[in-house]
Amino acid sequence: MQLTVLGCFGPYPRAGQSCSGYLVQEGDSAVLLDCGNGVLSRLRYYIEPWNLDAVVLSHLHSDHVSDMMIIRYAIMVKRYQEPGPALKVYAPADPQSEYDRLAYKDFVATYPVTEDTCLRLGNMEITFSKGAHPVLSHLITIQSGEKKLVYSGDTEYFPEMSQRIKGADLFLCEANYLREDIQKGHVNHLAAYQAANAALEGEVKRLVLTHHHPDRNQEHSLQEAREIFANTELAVADKQYTL
């Protein structure tokens, strides 16, 4: 299983960068996790959008889904030239108005996901568990054989997090905040030290911090996390990880 970082900033990108988007490939199967602004152009270096098996969205905030409004045009133009199936998009159905926007004619088909959903795409099994965010947001777990990847989506810390990520080979975790933000009462996202604590308690093998604050030095997040969990690194656009 291979993870490619396409975009790693939120809630808006740095100049020349993209918001959340991650390509997961295993054998002949390919899944896009989230599709924030700028992700489509980076995706095309690796795979064309019409060749994806599915798009899986953690939640429906714009920095995670905005390029879905553009990817529909790519699918439409391709299908006018070459008939084929609709792009499958799996997402939480709340907020309903945002979910309803995702489907597009015969070119993009949507399927709601809950904590009971289990997707099987090739050799990958994809499951969902609820995070803590202003809109419904899921942690997404992908397993292939003995390999396990967990993506946090957007979430603040909650007590069950370490159990949800237990034993992951790679935990791709948002860390939009630093400790000082939590001390000031900021909510809805994780600080780097909280991501590291979860990784340590969950006995994961590797922690990759993402959803970077675009106007901060990410090295501060890395240092804060490594004080707790040594095997931590920063997500960087176009970096690939093999599980």
Protein backbone atom coordinates (compact mmCIF):
# COMPACT_ATOMS: atom_id res chain seq x y z
CA MET A 1 0.00 0.00 0.00
CA GLN A 2 1.35 3.42 -0.96
CA LEU A 3 0.30 6.84 0.31
CA THR A 4 1.06 9.97 -1.71
CA VAL A 5 0.56 13.42 -0.19
CA LEU A 6 -1.09 15.75 -2.71
CA GLY A 7 -2.00 18.59 -0.37
CA CYS A 8 -1.44 19.10 3.35
CA PHE A 9 -2.57 22.59 4.40
CA GLY A 10 -5.73 23.87 6.03
CA PRO A 11 -7.98 25.76 6.22
CA TYR A 12 -6.27 27.48 3.28
CA PRO A 13 -2.96 26.77 1.51
CA ARG A 14 0.39 28.45 1.30
CA ALA A 15 1.29 30.02 -2.03
CA GLY A 16 1.76 27.23 -4.57
CA GLN A 17 0.41 24.57 -2.22
CA SER A 18 -2.89 22.70 -1.79
CA CYS A 19 -5.30 21.80 0.97
CA SER A 20 -6.04 18.24 2.07
CA GLY A 21 -5.74 15.43 -0.46
CA TYR A 22 -4.06 12.02 -0.24
CA LEU A 23 -3.79 9.27 -2.83
CA VAL A 24 -3.77 5.68 -1.56
CA GLN A 25 -2.79 2.92 -4.01
CA GLU A 26 -2.68 -0.81 -3.48
CA GLY A 27 -2.12 -3.12 -6.42
CA ASP A 28 -4.42 -1.94 -9.21
CA SER A 29 -6.69 0.01 -6.86
CA ALA A 30 -6.54 3.75 -6.19
CA VAL A 31 -8.52 5.84 -3.70
CA LEU A 32 -8.40 9.59 -3.12
CA LEU A 33 -8.85 10.66 0.50
CA ASP A 34 -10.27 14.20 0.52
CA CYS A 35 -10.16 16.62 -2.38
CA GLY A 36 -9.41 20.15 -1.21
CA ASN A 37 -8.48 23.08 -3.39
CA GLY A 38 -5.54 22.44 -5.70
CA VAL A 39 -5.63 18.66 -5.26
CA LEU A 40 -6.88 17.76 -8.75
CA SER A 41 -3.89 19.31 -10.52
CA ARG A 42 -1.47 17.41 -8.27
CA LEU A 43 -3.43 14.18 -8.58
CA ARG A 44 -2.89 14.17 -12.35
CA TYR A 45 0.86 13.70 -11.91
CA TYR A 46 0.06 10.23 -10.55
CA ILE A 47 -3.30 9.10 -11.91
CA GLU A 48 -6.15 10.56 -13.92
CA PRO A 49 -9.29 11.20 -11.86
CA TRP A 50 -11.42 8.93 -14.07
CA ASN A 51 -9.12 6.03 -13.20
CA LEU A 52 -9.79 6.30 -9.47
CA ASP A 53 -11.79 3.51 -7.89
CA ALA A 54 -13.33 6.03 -5.50
CA VAL A 55 -13.04 9.30 -3.63
CA VAL A 56 -13.54 9.04 0.13
CA LEU A 57 -14.24 12.29 1.99
CA SER A 58 -13.62 12.59 5.71
CA HIS A 59 -16.04 15.52 6.04
CA LEU A 60 -17.60 18.26 3.96
CA HIS A 61 -15.68 21.42 4.84
CA SER A 62 -14.46 23.24 1.74
CA ASP A 63 -10.75 22.81 2.38
CA HIS A 64 -11.36 19.06 2.08
CA VAL A 65 -13.86 18.95 -0.78
CA SER A 66 -13.68 22.09 -2.93
CA ASP A 67 -11.97 20.43 -5.90
CA MET A 68 -14.89 18.01 -6.11
CA MET A 69 -16.66 20.89 -7.83
CA ILE A 70 -13.94 20.80 -10.52
CA ILE A 71 -13.23 17.08 -10.74
CA ARG A 72 -16.83 16.64 -11.96
CA TYR A 73 -15.94 18.54 -15.12
CA ALA A 74 -12.94 16.32 -15.77
CA ILE A 75 -15.11 13.21 -15.47
CA MET A 76 -17.82 14.72 -17.66
CA VAL A 77 -15.42 15.68 -20.48
CA LYS A 78 -13.75 12.26 -20.35
CA ARG A 79 -17.08 10.42 -20.46
CA TYR A 80 -18.23 12.45 -23.46
CA GLN A 81 -15.12 11.14 -25.22
CA GLU A 82 -15.15 7.63 -23.78
CA PRO A 83 -18.21 6.10 -22.06
CA GLY A 84 -17.57 4.65 -18.64
CA PRO A 85 -18.84 4.51 -15.05
CA ALA A 86 -19.53 7.44 -12.77
CA LEU A 87 -16.89 8.39 -10.23
CA LYS A 88 -17.93 6.93 -6.86
CA VAL A 89 -17.76 9.34 -3.94
CA TYR A 90 -18.23 8.16 -0.35
CA ALA A 91 -18.92 10.87 2.23
CA PRO A 92 -20.87 11.67 5.38
CA ALA A 93 -24.37 12.87 4.46
CA ASP A 94 -24.27 15.75 6.93
CA PRO A 95 -24.56 18.66 6.29
CA GLN A 96 -27.18 17.44 3.82
CA SER A 97 -26.94 20.53 1.62
CA GLU A 98 -23.20 20.01 1.11
CA TYR A 99 -23.63 16.30 0.47
CA ASP A 100 -26.30 16.97 -2.14
CA ARG A 101 -23.89 19.20 -4.08
CA LEU A 102 -21.42 16.36 -4.66
CA ALA A 103 -23.45 14.25 -7.09
CA TYR A 104 -23.33 15.43 -10.69
CA LYS A 105 -25.61 14.17 -13.44
CA ASP A 106 -24.44 10.70 -14.54
CA PHE A 107 -20.77 11.50 -13.90
CA VAL A 108 -20.40 11.55 -10.10
CA ALA A 109 -22.38 9.16 -7.88
CA THR A 110 -22.50 9.64 -4.11
CA TYR A 111 -22.87 7.12 -1.30
CA PRO A 112 -23.36 8.07 2.37
CA VAL A 113 -21.04 6.59 4.98
CA THR A 114 -21.51 6.00 8.70
CA GLU A 115 -19.57 4.23 11.43
CA ASP A 116 -21.19 1.00 10.22
CA THR A 117 -19.89 1.36 6.65
CA CYS A 118 -17.22 -1.04 5.41
CA LEU A 119 -15.94 -0.57 1.86
CA ARG A 120 -13.93 -3.15 -0.03
CA LEU A 121 -11.93 -1.78 -2.93
CA GLY A 122 -9.54 -4.34 -4.36
CA ASN A 123 -7.49 -5.60 -1.43
CA MET A 124 -8.33 -2.58 0.71
CA GLU A 125 -10.91 -2.56 3.47
CA ILE A 126 -12.04 0.94 4.48
CA THR A 127 -13.87 1.68 7.72
CA PHE A 128 -14.98 4.82 9.53
CA SER A 129 -15.15 6.13 13.09
CA LYS A 130 -16.56 9.42 14.24
CA GLY A 131 -14.25 12.28 15.20
CA ALA A 132 -14.98 15.50 17.09
CA HIS A 133 -15.56 18.43 14.73
CA PRO A 134 -18.31 21.02 14.07
CA VAL A 135 -19.62 18.90 11.20
CA LEU A 136 -19.70 15.11 11.02
CA SER A 137 -16.12 14.01 10.38
CA HIS A 138 -14.65 10.51 10.30
CA LEU A 139 -11.33 8.96 11.01
CA ILE A 140 -10.71 6.68 8.04
CA THR A 141 -8.94 3.34 8.45
CA ILE A 142 -7.58 1.46 5.46
CA GLN A 143 -6.32 -2.08 5.91
CA SER A 144 -4.68 -4.30 3.33
CA GLY A 145 -3.47 -7.61 4.65
CA GLU A 146 -1.53 -6.85 7.80
CA LYS A 147 -0.90 -3.19 6.88
CA LYS A 148 -3.00 -0.46 8.47
CA LEU A 149 -3.24 3.23 7.58
CA VAL A 150 -5.36 5.64 9.63
CA TYR A 151 -6.23 9.17 8.52
CA SER A 152 -7.62 11.48 11.17
CA GLY A 153 -9.68 13.78 8.97
CA ASP A 154 -10.31 16.90 11.06
CA THR A 155 -10.91 16.37 14.75
CA GLU A 156 -10.10 17.69 18.16
CA TYR A 157 -8.80 15.28 20.78
CA PHE A 158 -11.25 12.78 22.23
CA PRO A 159 -10.55 9.99 24.75
CA GLU A 160 -11.19 7.06 22.38
CA MET A 161 -8.78 8.27 19.70
CA SER A 162 -5.82 6.11 20.72
CA GLN A 163 -7.99 3.00 20.59
CA ARG A 164 -9.32 3.90 17.14
CA ILE A 165 -5.78 4.08 15.72
CA LYS A 166 -4.39 1.12 17.66
CA GLY A 167 -1.38 -0.50 16.02
CA ALA A 168 -1.48 1.54 12.82
CA ASP A 169 1.59 1.26 10.61
CA LEU A 170 1.08 4.91 9.68
CA PHE A 171 -1.12 7.51 11.35
CA LEU A 172 -1.73 10.51 9.09
CA CYS A 173 -2.96 13.05 11.59
CA GLU A 174 -4.01 16.67 11.45
CA ALA A 175 -2.08 19.04 13.73
CA ASN A 176 -3.32 22.52 12.95
CA TYR A 177 -2.57 23.78 16.46
CA LEU A 178 0.27 23.99 18.94
CA ARG A 179 0.01 23.51 22.70
CA GLU A 180 -0.37 27.27 23.17
CA ASP A 181 -3.55 27.24 21.08
CA ILE A 182 -5.15 24.57 23.24
CA GLN A 183 -4.17 26.54 26.34
CA LYS A 184 -5.96 29.55 24.85
CA GLY A 185 -9.11 27.46 24.47
CA HIS A 186 -9.02 26.79 20.73
CA VAL A 187 -11.19 23.86 19.68
CA ASN A 188 -12.13 21.70 16.65
CA HIS A 189 -8.55 20.66 15.76
CA LEU A 190 -5.59 18.84 17.28
CA ALA A 191 -2.34 20.27 18.50
CA ALA A 192 0.87 18.49 17.57
CA TYR A 193 1.42 17.24 21.11
CA GLN A 194 -2.08 15.74 21.18
CA ALA A 195 -1.46 13.88 17.93
CA ALA A 196 1.79 12.59 19.41
CA ASN A 197 0.12 11.48 22.64
CA ALA A 198 -2.50 9.58 20.65
CA ALA A 199 0.21 7.94 18.54
CA LEU A 200 2.13 6.91 21.65
CA GLU A 201 -0.93 5.54 23.44
CA GLY A 202 -2.15 3.86 20.26
CA GLU A 203 1.23 2.18 19.70
CA VAL A 204 1.39 3.29 16.09
CA LYS A 205 4.60 2.79 14.18
CA ARG A 206 4.81 6.12 12.37
CA LEU A 207 3.13 9.51 12.79
CA VAL A 208 2.84 11.95 9.89
CA LEU A 209 1.50 15.39 10.78
CA THR A 210 -0.68 17.15 8.22
CA HIS A 211 -3.32 19.90 7.83
CA HIS A 212 -0.56 22.40 8.52
CA HIS A 213 -1.32 25.96 9.51
CA PRO A 214 -0.26 27.88 6.38
CA ASP A 215 1.19 30.89 8.23
CA ARG A 216 3.34 29.08 10.77
CA ASN A 217 6.68 27.32 10.74
CA GLN A 218 5.81 23.62 10.69
CA GLU A 219 9.09 22.79 12.42
CA HIS A 220 7.48 24.01 15.65
CA SER A 221 4.79 21.36 15.30
CA LEU A 222 7.38 18.72 14.51
CA GLN A 223 9.47 19.61 17.55
CA GLU A 224 6.42 19.62 19.84
CA ALA A 225 5.35 16.18 18.62
CA ARG A 226 8.82 14.60 18.69
CA GLU A 227 9.23 15.44 22.35
CA ILE A 228 6.52 12.82 22.93
CA PHE A 229 6.67 10.50 19.90
CA ALA A 230 10.07 10.30 18.24
CA ASN A 231 8.99 8.69 14.96
CA THR A 232 7.11 11.76 13.76
CA GLU A 233 7.51 13.62 10.48
CA LEU A 234 5.74 16.32 8.50
CA ALA A 235 3.55 15.66 5.49
CA VAL A 236 5.05 17.31 2.42
CA ALA A 237 3.39 17.59 -0.97
CA ASP A 238 4.47 14.79 -3.35
CA LYS A 239 6.09 12.73 -0.59
CA GLN A 240 5.26 9.03 -0.78
CA TYR A 241 5.09 6.43 1.95
CA THR A 242 5.08 2.68 1.42
CA LEU A 243 3.42 0.47 3.99
